[in-house]
Amino acid sequence: MAEDKKGGMTVAEAGRKGGVKVAQERGRAFYEQIGRKGGETVKAERGHEFYEQIGKKGGESVRAARGPEFYSQIGHKGGQKVRELIEQGKRMARETQKKEGGLDEMGNLKGSRRDED
């Protein structure tokens, strides 16, 4: 039924065209605002339990489609990303301290715990 043509355009095509026009006229902030309003309305009407239920349902659906190993894989990837970000932050701190003269002769930050050992 969504594909019924009247005037040479499907309902889906008309909706997409209208969405593009609204996006051009109103911009991203409009969508953020209406999304926030919609979320607040759903939260007020259905409560916290609703989000728990749909989250559980979605998780069960993903587990059925991809298997429990999928969660191990994405957990591992997330841990790797965190490790990379921590190392990047440490490198940036060392570079900043090096420029400011805050490193000892071993390349460690002066005043860090390593100095105390």
Protein backbone atom coordinates (compact mmCIF):
# COMPACT_ATOMS: atom_id res chain seq x y z
CA MET A 1 0.00 0.00 0.00
CA ALA A 2 2.94 2.36 0.65
CA GLU A 3 3.94 1.91 -2.97
CA ASP A 4 0.60 3.02 -4.48
CA LYS A 5 1.27 5.55 -7.21
CA LYS A 6 -0.88 8.62 -7.70
CA GLY A 7 0.49 11.30 -9.94
CA GLY A 8 3.61 9.31 -10.77
CA MET A 9 5.15 9.23 -7.26
CA THR A 10 5.00 6.63 -4.51
CA VAL A 11 4.14 7.57 -0.95
CA ALA A 12 7.71 6.70 0.06
CA GLU A 13 9.15 8.97 -2.65
CA ALA A 14 6.86 11.82 -1.62
CA GLY A 15 7.82 11.41 2.03
CA ARG A 16 11.50 11.38 1.20
CA LYS A 17 11.14 14.47 -0.99
CA GLY A 18 9.26 16.28 1.78
CA GLY A 19 11.90 15.30 4.33
CA VAL A 20 14.69 16.68 2.16
CA LYS A 21 12.80 19.96 1.72
CA VAL A 22 12.19 20.32 5.47
CA ALA A 23 15.85 19.54 6.18
CA GLN A 24 16.94 22.27 3.76
CA GLU A 25 14.51 24.81 5.20
CA ARG A 26 14.83 24.12 8.92
CA GLY A 27 18.20 22.44 9.40
CA ARG A 28 19.57 19.94 11.88
CA ALA A 29 18.49 21.82 15.01
CA PHE A 30 14.84 21.33 14.05
CA TYR A 31 15.23 17.55 13.97
CA GLU A 32 17.13 17.60 17.27
CA GLN A 33 14.34 19.63 18.86
CA ILE A 34 11.46 17.45 17.62
CA GLY A 35 13.39 14.30 18.50
CA ARG A 36 13.95 15.56 22.04
CA LYS A 37 10.27 16.52 22.39
CA GLY A 38 9.20 13.10 21.12
CA GLY A 39 11.55 11.34 23.50
CA GLU A 40 10.29 13.35 26.46
CA THR A 41 6.68 12.54 25.51
CA VAL A 42 7.39 8.81 25.27
CA LYS A 43 9.26 8.91 28.58
CA ALA A 44 6.34 10.68 30.27
CA GLU A 45 3.72 8.37 28.79
CA ARG A 46 5.48 5.01 29.08
CA GLY A 47 8.10 5.42 31.78
CA HIS A 48 11.52 3.93 32.42
CA GLU A 49 10.31 0.33 32.21
CA PHE A 50 9.42 0.80 28.54
CA TYR A 51 13.03 1.51 27.66
CA GLU A 52 14.15 -1.52 29.65
CA GLN A 53 11.70 -3.71 27.74
CA ILE A 54 12.66 -2.48 24.28
CA GLY A 55 16.37 -2.68 25.13
CA LYS A 56 15.99 -6.27 26.29
CA LYS A 57 13.93 -7.15 23.23
CA GLY A 58 16.53 -5.58 20.94
CA GLY A 59 19.37 -7.38 22.70
CA GLU A 60 17.60 -10.72 22.38
CA SER A 61 16.97 -10.04 18.70
CA VAL A 62 20.64 -9.24 18.08
CA ARG A 63 21.73 -12.35 20.01
CA ALA A 64 19.37 -14.49 17.92
CA ALA A 65 20.59 -12.96 14.65
CA ARG A 66 24.33 -12.72 15.38
CA GLY A 67 24.97 -15.10 18.25
CA PRO A 68 26.50 -14.50 21.67
CA GLU A 69 30.03 -14.31 20.18
CA PHE A 70 29.06 -10.97 18.66
CA TYR A 71 28.96 -9.38 22.12
CA SER A 72 32.45 -10.72 22.86
CA GLN A 73 33.74 -9.26 19.61
CA ILE A 74 32.27 -5.81 20.13
CA GLY A 75 33.42 -5.79 23.77
CA HIS A 76 36.96 -6.61 22.66
CA LYS A 77 36.87 -3.89 20.00
CA GLY A 78 35.62 -1.38 22.57
CA GLY A 79 38.42 -2.29 24.96
CA GLN A 80 41.00 -1.89 22.21
CA LYS A 81 39.63 1.55 21.34
CA VAL A 82 39.79 2.65 24.98
CA ARG A 83 43.39 1.43 25.21
CA GLU A 84 44.29 3.36 22.04
CA LEU A 85 42.68 6.54 23.36
CA ILE A 86 44.51 6.27 26.68
CA GLU A 87 47.84 5.79 24.89
CA GLN A 88 47.07 8.72 22.60
CA GLY A 89 46.32 10.91 25.61
CA LYS A 90 49.55 9.87 27.31
CA ARG A 91 51.54 10.59 24.12
CA MET A 92 49.98 14.02 23.82
CA ALA A 93 50.70 14.78 27.48
CA ARG A 94 54.34 13.73 27.03
CA GLU A 95 54.71 15.86 23.90
CA THR A 96 53.24 18.85 25.70
CA GLN A 97 55.48 18.31 28.72
CA LYS A 98 58.50 17.79 26.48
CA LYS A 99 57.85 21.16 24.84
CA GLU A 100 57.46 22.78 28.26
CA GLY A 101 60.49 20.99 29.74
CA GLY A 102 58.45 18.78 32.08
CA LEU A 103 60.16 15.45 31.28
CA ASP A 104 63.06 13.86 33.09
CA GLU A 105 66.10 12.32 31.35
CA MET A 106 64.20 9.00 30.93
CA GLY A 107 61.31 10.66 29.09
CA ASN A 108 58.89 10.32 32.02
CA LEU A 109 56.72 13.12 33.30
CA LYS A 110 58.36 14.98 36.17
CA GLY A 111 56.30 14.66 39.32
CA SER A 112 54.61 11.44 38.18
CA ARG A 113 54.33 8.30 40.31
CA ARG A 114 57.28 6.76 38.47
CA ASP A 115 59.53 9.43 40.01
CA GLU A 116 58.43 8.30 43.46
CA ASP A 117 59.31 4.61 42.93
